[in-house]
C-alpha cells in the first residue's frame, strides 16, 4: 500500500527498489498510455471550487489518493470523426503536441471520462448549446455502456445527436508517469466549468467519495498530511489558487506551457535523488535501502 511523505504526497514503498533496478539497467521502462483528466470548476463565494474524487484504497494505482475525473484513451476515441464544436482538430493537435487523430482521442477521452466518472457531459445539441440534466435512466444506461466499452463515444454522440464542445475545455498541463512505475500514463490535464443545469455525482466504481473543494482548502489538507495526492494533483491545485473565477482559469489555459513533466531519478553520493522538473517541493532523497526524506 502507498504511504505519504512530505505532507500528503503519494509515495509507493516499492519505488526505491524499482528506481535502483532502473538505474542498474535491470528494469525496462513501460511505454506510457495516453490519458486525460479534467479539473471541473464551479464558482463559489470563496472563488472557484474543483471537483475531486478519492480513489478506493483497494486500487492498485494511487489507492486512497485524491484526484480528478479522468482515465485512459479508448482506442475507439479516434476511430472516426466525431461531431465537433470549438477549435479545430488542427488547432488541438498543435496545442497538445500530437497528430489530429491523437488530438481527437485525447479530447474525447477528457469529455468521455468526465461523463463516466462525474456524470457531467461537455456536449450539446448544437455548437453553442450544452445538455442540461443527465441523470435520467436512459442517460445512465448510455453511461454504463460507455464504461463497459460496449459503446464508443462517437457512437454515443451520434445516437443522441450531440456535438462535442471542445471549446469548453482548456488544456492546462501534461505529466508523464515516471519511468520506474509499472503503470505509466502520459496525461493531459484540462480545466472546464460545470455547465449550467448539470450536477456532479460519484458515478465512478474507482472512487469511494467525491468532494467540491477550493484549491486552497485541498492544498492545505495536503500540507497537513490529511489528504493524499500524487504530485500532479497538488501541483495543479497550487496553480489554480491564483484564479478568482472558473472563467479566469479557462482564459489562462491557452497560454499554459504543455511541456511534459517527467520525474527523473539519479544516483548521487550513494543515495537516490528523485525530482520533478520545475517542482522542487517533490524532490526526494532516498538513502540506499532507506525511506525517502
C-alpha atoms as a PDB file:
ATOM      1  CA  UNK A   1       0.000   0.000   0.000  1.00  0.00           C
ATOM      2  CA  UNK A   2       1.200   3.512  -0.760  1.00  0.00           C
ATOM      3  CA  UNK A   3       2.292   5.770   2.047  1.00  0.00           C
ATOM      4  CA  UNK A   4       2.559   9.538   2.379  1.00  0.00           C
ATOM      5  CA  UNK A   5       5.678  11.612   2.853  1.00  0.00           C
ATOM      6  CA  UNK A   6       6.193  15.388   2.864  1.00  0.00           C
ATOM      7  CA  UNK A   7       2.610  16.347   3.592  1.00  0.00           C
ATOM      8  CA  UNK A   8       0.183  14.124   1.756  1.00  0.00           C
ATOM      9  CA  UNK A   9       2.349  13.161  -1.206  1.00  0.00           C
ATOM     10  CA  UNK A  10       1.556   9.694  -2.517  1.00  0.00           C
ATOM     11  CA  UNK A  11       4.671   7.558  -2.288  1.00  0.00           C
ATOM     12  CA  UNK A  12       4.604   3.798  -3.022  1.00  0.00           C
ATOM     13  CA  UNK A  13       7.037   1.849  -0.809  1.00  0.00           C
ATOM     14  CA  UNK A  14       8.317  -0.165  -3.779  1.00  0.00           C
ATOM     15  CA  UNK A  15       9.694   2.911  -5.555  1.00  0.00           C
ATOM     16  CA  UNK A  16      13.276   2.787  -4.159  1.00  0.00           C
ATOM     17  CA  UNK A  17      13.748  -0.804  -5.311  1.00  0.00           C
ATOM     18  CA  UNK A  18      12.346  -0.038  -8.753  1.00  0.00           C
ATOM     19  CA  UNK A  19      14.451   3.126  -9.075  1.00  0.00           C
ATOM     20  CA  UNK A  20      17.605   1.174  -8.270  1.00  0.00           C
ATOM     21  CA  UNK A  21      16.624  -1.505 -10.801  1.00  0.00           C
ATOM     22  CA  UNK A  22      16.083   1.161 -13.472  1.00  0.00           C
ATOM     23  CA  UNK A  23      19.451   2.787 -12.697  1.00  0.00           C
ATOM     24  CA  UNK A  24      21.232  -0.565 -12.968  1.00  0.00           C
ATOM     25  CA  UNK A  25      19.589  -1.462 -16.258  1.00  0.00           C
ATOM     26  CA  UNK A  26      17.597  -4.340 -14.752  1.00  0.00           C
ATOM     27  CA  UNK A  27      14.268  -2.603 -15.353  1.00  0.00           C
ATOM     28  CA  UNK A  28      12.964  -1.628 -18.791  1.00  0.00           C
ATOM     29  CA  UNK A  29      10.538   1.326 -18.772  1.00  0.00           C
ATOM     30  CA  UNK A  30       6.944   0.596 -19.781  1.00  0.00           C
ATOM     31  CA  UNK A  31       5.562   2.700 -22.635  1.00  0.00           C
ATOM     32  CA  UNK A  32       3.082   5.180 -21.122  1.00  0.00           C
ATOM     33  CA  UNK A  33      -0.550   5.071 -22.216  1.00  0.00           C
ATOM     34  CA  UNK A  34      -2.240   8.309 -23.203  1.00  0.00           C
ATOM     35  CA  UNK A  35      -4.784   9.640 -20.740  1.00  0.00           C
ATOM     36  CA  UNK A  36      -6.781  12.764 -19.936  1.00  0.00           C
ATOM     37  CA  UNK A  37      -8.137  14.245 -16.725  1.00  0.00           C
ATOM     38  CA  UNK A  38     -10.383  17.236 -16.106  1.00  0.00           C
ATOM     39  CA  UNK A  39     -10.339  19.795 -13.320  1.00  0.00           C
ATOM     40  CA  UNK A  40     -14.041  20.626 -13.231  1.00  0.00           C
ATOM     41  CA  UNK A  41     -14.641  24.056 -11.682  1.00  0.00           C
ATOM     42  CA  UNK A  42     -17.665  25.927 -10.342  1.00  0.00           C
ATOM     43  CA  UNK A  43     -17.776  29.396  -8.840  1.00  0.00           C
ATOM     44  CA  UNK A  44     -18.486  29.886  -5.128  1.00  0.00           C
ATOM     45  CA  UNK A  45     -18.367  32.829  -2.748  1.00  0.00           C
ATOM     46  CA  UNK A  46     -14.797  31.827  -1.903  1.00  0.00           C
ATOM     47  CA  UNK A  47     -13.642  31.530  -5.507  1.00  0.00           C
ATOM     48  CA  UNK A  48     -13.802  28.525  -7.806  1.00  0.00           C
ATOM     49  CA  UNK A  49     -14.198  25.071  -6.273  1.00  0.00           C
ATOM     50  CA  UNK A  50     -12.820  21.982  -8.011  1.00  0.00           C
ATOM     51  CA  UNK A  51     -14.455  18.563  -8.162  1.00  0.00           C
ATOM     52  CA  UNK A  52     -12.248  15.811  -6.730  1.00  0.00           C
ATOM     53  CA  UNK A  53     -12.708  12.116  -6.078  1.00  0.00           C
ATOM     54  CA  UNK A  54     -10.914   9.818  -3.678  1.00  0.00           C
ATOM     55  CA  UNK A  55      -9.655   6.627  -5.245  1.00  0.00           C
ATOM     56  CA  UNK A  56     -10.618   3.471  -3.387  1.00  0.00           C
ATOM     57  CA  UNK A  57      -7.832   2.192  -1.148  1.00  0.00           C
ATOM     58  CA  UNK A  58      -8.100  -1.149  -2.953  1.00  0.00           C
ATOM     59  CA  UNK A  59      -6.940   0.453  -6.223  1.00  0.00           C
ATOM     60  CA  UNK A  60      -3.525  -0.804  -7.352  1.00  0.00           C
ATOM     61  CA  UNK A  61      -2.533   2.658  -8.592  1.00  0.00           C
ATOM     62  CA  UNK A  62      -2.733   5.567  -6.113  1.00  0.00           C
ATOM     63  CA  UNK A  63      -5.269   3.908  -3.839  1.00  0.00           C
ATOM     64  CA  UNK A  64      -6.664   6.388  -1.291  1.00  0.00           C
ATOM     65  CA  UNK A  65      -5.349   9.405  -3.203  1.00  0.00           C
ATOM     66  CA  UNK A  66      -7.488  12.371  -4.222  1.00  0.00           C
ATOM     67  CA  UNK A  67      -7.611  13.030  -7.959  1.00  0.00           C
ATOM     68  CA  UNK A  68      -9.796  14.465 -10.715  1.00  0.00           C
ATOM     69  CA  UNK A  69     -12.121  12.569 -13.067  1.00  0.00           C
ATOM     70  CA  UNK A  70     -10.070  11.027 -15.841  1.00  0.00           C
ATOM     71  CA  UNK A  71      -8.681   7.928 -17.415  1.00  0.00           C
ATOM     72  CA  UNK A  72      -7.018   6.335 -20.385  1.00  0.00           C
ATOM     73  CA  UNK A  73      -7.760   6.935 -24.046  1.00  0.00           C
ATOM     74  CA  UNK A  74     -10.162   4.399 -25.541  1.00  0.00           C
ATOM     75  CA  UNK A  75      -8.679   3.100 -28.835  1.00  0.00           C
ATOM     76  CA  UNK A  76     -12.029   3.962 -30.438  1.00  0.00           C
ATOM     77  CA  UNK A  77     -11.817   7.608 -29.352  1.00  0.00           C
ATOM     78  CA  UNK A  78     -10.201   8.345 -32.711  1.00  0.00           C
ATOM     79  CA  UNK A  79     -11.905   5.666 -34.845  1.00  0.00           C
ATOM     80  CA  UNK A  80     -13.966   8.189 -36.798  1.00  0.00           C
ATOM     81  CA  UNK A  81     -14.621  11.891 -36.818  1.00  0.00           C
ATOM     82  CA  UNK A  82     -16.973  12.959 -34.051  1.00  0.00           C
ATOM     83  CA  UNK A  83     -19.411  15.847 -34.131  1.00  0.00           C
ATOM     84  CA  UNK A  84     -17.141  18.699 -33.048  1.00  0.00           C
ATOM     85  CA  UNK A  85     -17.524  22.306 -31.876  1.00  0.00           C
ATOM     86  CA  UNK A  86     -14.830  24.756 -30.874  1.00  0.00           C
ATOM     87  CA  UNK A  87     -11.216  24.906 -32.061  1.00  0.00           C
ATOM     88  CA  UNK A  88     -10.387  22.637 -34.984  1.00  0.00           C
ATOM     89  CA  UNK A  89      -8.585  19.322 -34.724  1.00  0.00           C
ATOM     90  CA  UNK A  90      -5.563  21.013 -36.321  1.00  0.00           C
ATOM     91  CA  UNK A  91      -5.600  23.626 -33.540  1.00  0.00           C
ATOM     92  CA  UNK A  92      -5.885  20.965 -30.864  1.00  0.00           C
ATOM     93  CA  UNK A  93      -3.149  18.860 -32.467  1.00  0.00           C
ATOM     94  CA  UNK A  94      -0.794  21.837 -32.328  1.00  0.00           C
ATOM     95  CA  UNK A  95      -1.834  22.692 -28.759  1.00  0.00           C
ATOM     96  CA  UNK A  96      -1.436  19.148 -27.434  1.00  0.00           C
ATOM     97  CA  UNK A  97       1.688  18.311 -29.434  1.00  0.00           C
ATOM     98  CA  UNK A  98       0.190  15.316 -31.235  1.00  0.00           C
ATOM     99  CA  UNK A  99      -1.369  14.487 -34.619  1.00  0.00           C
ATOM    100  CA  UNK A 100      -5.040  15.065 -35.483  1.00  0.00           C
ATOM    101  CA  UNK A 101      -6.138  11.550 -34.532  1.00  0.00           C
ATOM    102  CA  UNK A 102      -4.292  11.818 -31.246  1.00  0.00           C
ATOM    103  CA  UNK A 103      -5.866  15.202 -30.535  1.00  0.00           C
ATOM    104  CA  UNK A 104      -9.360  13.846 -31.114  1.00  0.00           C
ATOM    105  CA  UNK A 105      -8.672  10.822 -28.923  1.00  0.00           C
ATOM    106  CA  UNK A 106      -7.303  12.902 -26.030  1.00  0.00           C
ATOM    107  CA  UNK A 107     -10.100  15.491 -26.094  1.00  0.00           C
ATOM    108  CA  UNK A 108     -12.716  12.746 -26.448  1.00  0.00           C
ATOM    109  CA  UNK A 109     -11.145  10.926 -23.500  1.00  0.00           C
ATOM    110  CA  UNK A 110     -11.355  14.086 -21.380  1.00  0.00           C
ATOM    111  CA  UNK A 111     -15.049  14.595 -22.155  1.00  0.00           C
ATOM    112  CA  UNK A 112     -15.949  10.888 -22.000  1.00  0.00           C
ATOM    113  CA  UNK A 113     -14.181  10.251 -18.687  1.00  0.00           C
ATOM    114  CA  UNK A 114     -15.793  13.314 -17.095  1.00  0.00           C
ATOM    115  CA  UNK A 115     -19.179  11.913 -18.068  1.00  0.00           C
ATOM    116  CA  UNK A 116     -18.324   8.371 -16.995  1.00  0.00           C
ATOM    117  CA  UNK A 117     -16.929   9.338 -13.584  1.00  0.00           C
ATOM    118  CA  UNK A 118     -18.789  12.524 -12.667  1.00  0.00           C
ATOM    119  CA  UNK A 119     -21.981  12.394 -14.762  1.00  0.00           C
ATOM    120  CA  UNK A 120     -21.121  15.742 -16.384  1.00  0.00           C
ATOM    121  CA  UNK A 121     -21.245  15.974 -20.184  1.00  0.00           C
ATOM    122  CA  UNK A 122     -19.453  18.717 -22.147  1.00  0.00           C
ATOM    123  CA  UNK A 123     -21.604  18.319 -25.243  1.00  0.00           C
ATOM    124  CA  UNK A 124     -24.787  19.773 -26.661  1.00  0.00           C
ATOM    125  CA  UNK A 125     -27.359  19.520 -29.444  1.00  0.00           C
ATOM    126  CA  UNK A 126     -25.742  22.436 -31.283  1.00  0.00           C
ATOM    127  CA  UNK A 127     -22.293  24.118 -31.371  1.00  0.00           C
ATOM    128  CA  UNK A 128     -23.330  26.776 -28.844  1.00  0.00           C
ATOM    129  CA  UNK A 129     -25.569  24.676 -26.606  1.00  0.00           C
ATOM    130  CA  UNK A 130     -24.937  22.286 -23.703  1.00  0.00           C
ATOM    131  CA  UNK A 131     -27.160  19.473 -22.469  1.00  0.00           C
ATOM    132  CA  UNK A 132     -28.942  20.006 -19.156  1.00  0.00           C
ATOM    133  CA  UNK A 133     -29.680  17.332 -16.586  1.00  0.00           C
ATOM    134  CA  UNK A 134     -28.077  13.984 -17.477  1.00  0.00           C
ATOM    135  CA  UNK A 135     -29.322  11.903 -14.540  1.00  0.00           C
ATOM    136  CA  UNK A 136     -32.266  10.059 -16.133  1.00  0.00           C
ATOM    137  CA  UNK A 137     -32.404   6.280 -16.534  1.00  0.00           C
ATOM    138  CA  UNK A 138     -31.757   6.461 -20.290  1.00  0.00           C
ATOM    139  CA  UNK A 139     -28.663   8.605 -19.730  1.00  0.00           C
ATOM    140  CA  UNK A 140     -27.445   6.202 -17.078  1.00  0.00           C
ATOM    141  CA  UNK A 141     -27.848   3.258 -19.462  1.00  0.00           C
ATOM    142  CA  UNK A 142     -25.668   5.005 -22.030  1.00  0.00           C
ATOM    143  CA  UNK A 143     -23.107   5.986 -19.397  1.00  0.00           C
ATOM    144  CA  UNK A 144     -22.879   2.378 -18.207  1.00  0.00           C
ATOM    145  CA  UNK A 145     -22.426   1.206 -21.803  1.00  0.00           C
ATOM    146  CA  UNK A 146     -19.570   3.678 -22.233  1.00  0.00           C
ATOM    147  CA  UNK A 147     -17.903   2.459 -19.032  1.00  0.00           C
ATOM    148  CA  UNK A 148     -18.227  -1.158 -20.190  1.00  0.00           C
ATOM    149  CA  UNK A 149     -16.818  -0.165 -23.604  1.00  0.00           C
ATOM    150  CA  UNK A 150     -19.955  -1.558 -25.225  1.00  0.00           C
ATOM    151  CA  UNK A 151     -20.487   1.850 -26.806  1.00  0.00           C
ATOM    152  CA  UNK A 152     -17.862   4.155 -28.271  1.00  0.00           C
ATOM    153  CA  UNK A 153     -18.019   7.862 -27.525  1.00  0.00           C
ATOM    154  CA  UNK A 154     -18.530   8.692 -31.208  1.00  0.00           C
ATOM    155  CA  UNK A 155     -21.475   6.271 -31.332  1.00  0.00           C
ATOM    156  CA  UNK A 156     -22.885   7.796 -28.155  1.00  0.00           C
ATOM    157  CA  UNK A 157     -22.748  11.317 -29.611  1.00  0.00           C
ATOM    158  CA  UNK A 158     -24.278  10.183 -32.901  1.00  0.00           C
ATOM    159  CA  UNK A 159     -27.069   8.281 -31.167  1.00  0.00           C
ATOM    160  CA  UNK A 160     -28.067  11.388 -29.233  1.00  0.00           C
ATOM    161  CA  UNK A 161     -27.374  13.920 -31.966  1.00  0.00           C
ATOM    162  CA  UNK A 162     -24.819  15.702 -29.800  1.00  0.00           C
ATOM    163  CA  UNK A 163     -21.809  17.862 -30.609  1.00  0.00           C
ATOM    164  CA  UNK A 164     -18.632  17.623 -28.510  1.00  0.00           C
ATOM    165  CA  UNK A 165     -17.907  21.083 -27.071  1.00  0.00           C
ATOM    166  CA  UNK A 166     -14.120  21.215 -27.231  1.00  0.00           C
ATOM    167  CA  UNK A 167     -14.327  24.966 -26.611  1.00  0.00           C
ATOM    168  CA  UNK A 168     -15.430  24.241 -23.037  1.00  0.00           C
ATOM    169  CA  UNK A 169     -12.035  22.686 -22.303  1.00  0.00           C
ATOM    170  CA  UNK A 170      -8.734  24.401 -21.649  1.00  0.00           C
ATOM    171  CA  UNK A 171      -5.511  22.372 -21.831  1.00  0.00           C
ATOM    172  CA  UNK A 172      -3.641  23.110 -18.602  1.00  0.00           C
ATOM    173  CA  UNK A 173      -0.586  20.876 -18.155  1.00  0.00           C
ATOM    174  CA  UNK A 174       0.892  17.495 -19.086  1.00  0.00           C
ATOM    175  CA  UNK A 175       2.538  14.949 -16.794  1.00  0.00           C
ATOM    176  CA  UNK A 176       4.126  11.605 -17.629  1.00  0.00           C
ATOM    177  CA  UNK A 177       4.356   8.864 -15.005  1.00  0.00           C
ATOM    178  CA  UNK A 178       7.994   8.177 -14.005  1.00  0.00           C
ATOM    179  CA  UNK A 179       9.901   5.527 -15.955  1.00  0.00           C
ATOM    180  CA  UNK A 180      10.220   3.270 -12.914  1.00  0.00           C
ATOM    181  CA  UNK A 181       6.443   2.924 -12.432  1.00  0.00           C
ATOM    182  CA  UNK A 182       4.853  -0.322 -13.717  1.00  0.00           C
ATOM    183  CA  UNK A 183       1.678   1.579 -14.700  1.00  0.00           C
ATOM    184  CA  UNK A 184       2.584   4.600 -16.779  1.00  0.00           C
ATOM    185  CA  UNK A 185       0.390   7.335 -18.245  1.00  0.00           C
ATOM    186  CA  UNK A 186       1.034  10.318 -20.477  1.00  0.00           C
ATOM    187  CA  UNK A 187      -1.703  12.550 -19.091  1.00  0.00           C
ATOM    188  CA  UNK A 188      -3.069  15.848 -20.343  1.00  0.00           C
ATOM    189  CA  UNK A 189      -4.823  17.906 -17.648  1.00  0.00           C
ATOM    190  CA  UNK A 190      -7.711  20.148 -18.697  1.00  0.00           C
ATOM    191  CA  UNK A 191      -9.848  22.756 -16.959  1.00  0.00           C
ATOM    192  CA  UNK A 192     -13.587  23.133 -17.570  1.00  0.00           C
ATOM    193  CA  UNK A 193     -16.510  24.889 -15.902  1.00  0.00           C
ATOM    194  CA  UNK A 194     -19.505  22.892 -14.677  1.00  0.00           C
ATOM    195  CA  UNK A 195     -22.228  23.521 -17.288  1.00  0.00           C
ATOM    196  CA  UNK A 196     -25.387  25.240 -16.080  1.00  0.00           C
ATOM    197  CA  UNK A 197     -28.120  22.747 -15.212  1.00  0.00           C
ATOM    198  CA  UNK A 198     -25.749  19.836 -14.662  1.00  0.00           C
ATOM    199  CA  UNK A 199     -24.540  18.432 -11.356  1.00  0.00           C
ATOM    200  CA  UNK A 200     -21.769  16.073 -10.390  1.00  0.00           C
ATOM    201  CA  UNK A 201     -22.211  12.727  -8.697  1.00  0.00           C
ATOM    202  CA  UNK A 202     -19.952   9.859  -7.788  1.00  0.00           C
ATOM    203  CA  UNK A 203     -20.520   7.681 -10.830  1.00  0.00           C
ATOM    204  CA  UNK A 204     -17.117   6.025 -10.656  1.00  0.00           C
ATOM    205  CA  UNK A 205     -16.568   2.494  -9.394  1.00  0.00           C
ATOM    206  CA  UNK A 206     -12.972   3.566  -8.675  1.00  0.00           C
ATOM    207  CA  UNK A 207     -13.884   6.234  -6.106  1.00  0.00           C
ATOM    208  CA  UNK A 208     -15.365   5.940  -2.627  1.00  0.00           C
ATOM    209  CA  UNK A 209     -16.212   9.623  -2.240  1.00  0.00           C
ATOM    210  CA  UNK A 210     -16.279  12.913  -4.128  1.00  0.00           C
ATOM    211  CA  UNK A 211     -15.968  16.486  -2.914  1.00  0.00           C
ATOM    212  CA  UNK A 212     -16.184  20.059  -4.141  1.00  0.00           C
ATOM    213  CA  UNK A 213     -13.348  21.978  -2.522  1.00  0.00           C
ATOM    214  CA  UNK A 214     -11.452  25.162  -3.193  1.00  0.00           C
ATOM    215  CA  UNK A 215      -7.896  24.575  -4.408  1.00  0.00           C
ATOM    216  CA  UNK A 216      -6.554  26.341  -1.306  1.00  0.00           C
ATOM    217  CA  UNK A 217      -8.574  24.119   1.075  1.00  0.00           C
ATOM    218  CA  UNK A 218      -7.390  20.986  -0.707  1.00  0.00           C
ATOM    219  CA  UNK A 219      -3.773  22.173  -0.753  1.00  0.00           C
ATOM    220  CA  UNK A 220      -3.954  22.989   2.968  1.00  0.00           C
ATOM    221  CA  UNK A 221      -5.292  19.490   3.640  1.00  0.00           C
ATOM    222  CA  UNK A 222      -2.386  18.036   1.696  1.00  0.00           C
ATOM    223  CA  UNK A 223       0.138  20.175   3.585  1.00  0.00           C
ATOM    224  CA  UNK A 224      -1.296  18.943   6.885  1.00  0.00           C
ATOM    225  CA  UNK A 225      -0.910  15.345   5.692  1.00  0.00           C
ATOM    226  CA  UNK A 226      -4.679  14.801   5.754  1.00  0.00           C
ATOM    227  CA  UNK A 227      -5.262  14.424   2.005  1.00  0.00           C
ATOM    228  CA  UNK A 228      -3.159  12.006  -0.025  1.00  0.00           C
ATOM    229  CA  UNK A 229      -2.309  13.172  -3.563  1.00  0.00           C
ATOM    230  CA  UNK A 230       0.041  12.452  -6.415  1.00  0.00           C
ATOM    231  CA  UNK A 231       2.449  15.258  -7.399  1.00  0.00           C
ATOM    232  CA  UNK A 232       0.497  16.466 -10.475  1.00  0.00           C
ATOM    233  CA  UNK A 233      -2.694  16.797  -8.419  1.00  0.00           C
ATOM    234  CA  UNK A 234      -1.251  19.002  -5.702  1.00  0.00           C
ATOM    235  CA  UNK A 235       0.814  20.912  -8.276  1.00  0.00           C
ATOM    236  CA  UNK A 236      -2.284  21.809 -10.308  1.00  0.00           C
ATOM    237  CA  UNK A 237      -4.232  22.737  -7.170  1.00  0.00           C
ATOM    238  CA  UNK A 238      -1.496  25.210  -6.206  1.00  0.00           C
ATOM    239  CA  UNK A 239      -1.642  26.658  -9.743  1.00  0.00           C
ATOM    240  CA  UNK A 240      -5.433  27.137  -9.535  1.00  0.00           C
ATOM    241  CA  UNK A 241      -5.284  29.105  -6.262  1.00  0.00           C
ATOM    242  CA  UNK A 242      -4.423  32.280  -8.171  1.00  0.00           C
ATOM    243  CA  UNK A 243      -7.726  32.451 -10.065  1.00  0.00           C
ATOM    244  CA  UNK A 244     -10.830  34.144  -8.690  1.00  0.00           C
ATOM    245  CA  UNK A 245     -13.327  32.534 -11.072  1.00  0.00           C
ATOM    246  CA  UNK A 246     -13.628  29.484 -13.297  1.00  0.00           C
ATOM    247  CA  UNK A 247     -13.677  31.791 -16.327  1.00  0.00           C
ATOM    248  CA  UNK A 248     -10.327  33.306 -15.325  1.00  0.00           C
ATOM    249  CA  UNK A 249      -8.744  29.857 -15.177  1.00  0.00           C
ATOM    250  CA  UNK A 250     -10.174  28.954 -18.584  1.00  0.00           C
ATOM    251  CA  UNK A 251      -8.949  32.236 -20.048  1.00  0.00           C
ATOM    252  CA  UNK A 252      -5.443  31.482 -18.760  1.00  0.00           C
ATOM    253  CA  UNK A 253      -5.302  27.962 -20.200  1.00  0.00           C
ATOM    254  CA  UNK A 254      -4.242  28.734 -23.816  1.00  0.00           C
ATOM    255  CA  UNK A 255      -1.001  30.347 -22.622  1.00  0.00           C
ATOM    256  CA  UNK A 256      -0.059  27.465 -20.332  1.00  0.00           C
ATOM    257  CA  UNK A 257       3.129  25.520 -21.105  1.00  0.00           C
ATOM    258  CA  UNK A 258       2.348  21.908 -22.048  1.00  0.00           C
ATOM    259  CA  UNK A 259       5.944  20.674 -21.988  1.00  0.00           C
ATOM    260  CA  UNK A 260       5.627  17.256 -20.292  1.00  0.00           C
ATOM    261  CA  UNK A 261       6.694  16.995 -16.655  1.00  0.00           C
ATOM    262  CA  UNK A 262       8.610  13.724 -16.246  1.00  0.00           C
ATOM    263  CA  UNK A 263      10.264  12.742 -12.975  1.00  0.00           C
ATOM    264  CA  UNK A 264      13.894  11.694 -13.085  1.00  0.00           C
ATOM    265  CA  UNK A 265      15.803   9.508 -10.631  1.00  0.00           C
ATOM    266  CA  UNK A 266      19.596   9.672 -10.342  1.00  0.00           C
ATOM    267  CA  UNK A 267      22.227   8.238  -8.005  1.00  0.00           C
ATOM    268  CA  UNK A 268      24.163  10.902  -6.078  1.00  0.00           C
ATOM    269  CA  UNK A 269      26.689  10.046  -3.336  1.00  0.00           C
ATOM    270  CA  UNK A 270      25.117   6.705  -2.576  1.00  0.00           C
ATOM    271  CA  UNK A 271      21.530   7.915  -2.456  1.00  0.00           C
ATOM    272  CA  UNK A 272      18.730   8.199  -4.979  1.00  0.00           C
ATOM    273  CA  UNK A 273      17.554  11.717  -5.798  1.00  0.00           C
ATOM    274  CA  UNK A 274      14.044  11.770  -7.252  1.00  0.00           C
ATOM    275  CA  UNK A 275      12.928  15.047  -8.810  1.00  0.00           C
ATOM    276  CA  UNK A 276      10.225  16.561 -10.968  1.00  0.00           C
ATOM    277  CA  UNK A 277      11.491  19.377 -13.237  1.00  0.00           C
ATOM    278  CA  UNK A 278      10.055  22.725 -12.174  1.00  0.00           C
ATOM    279  CA  UNK A 279       8.521  21.296  -8.995  1.00  0.00           C
ATOM    280  CA  UNK A 280      11.176  21.333  -6.301  1.00  0.00           C
ATOM    281  CA  UNK A 281       8.728  20.549  -3.488  1.00  0.00           C
ATOM    282  CA  UNK A 282       8.507  16.941  -4.670  1.00  0.00           C
ATOM    283  CA  UNK A 283      12.260  16.241  -4.626  1.00  0.00           C
ATOM    284  CA  UNK A 284      13.091  13.079  -2.644  1.00  0.00           C
ATOM    285  CA  UNK A 285      16.454  11.914  -1.247  1.00  0.00           C
ATOM    286  CA  UNK A 286      16.316   8.162  -0.768  1.00  0.00           C
ATOM    287  CA  UNK A 287      19.196   6.513   1.094  1.00  0.00           C
ATOM    288  CA  UNK A 288      20.207   3.073  -0.131  1.00  0.00           C
ATOM    289  CA  UNK A 289      17.705   0.714   1.467  1.00  0.00           C
ATOM    290  CA  UNK A 290      16.083   3.544   3.361  1.00  0.00           C
ATOM    291  CA  UNK A 291      12.943   5.643   3.376  1.00  0.00           C
ATOM    292  CA  UNK A 292      12.608   8.942   1.499  1.00  0.00           C
ATOM    293  CA  UNK A 293      13.472  12.211   3.183  1.00  0.00           C
END
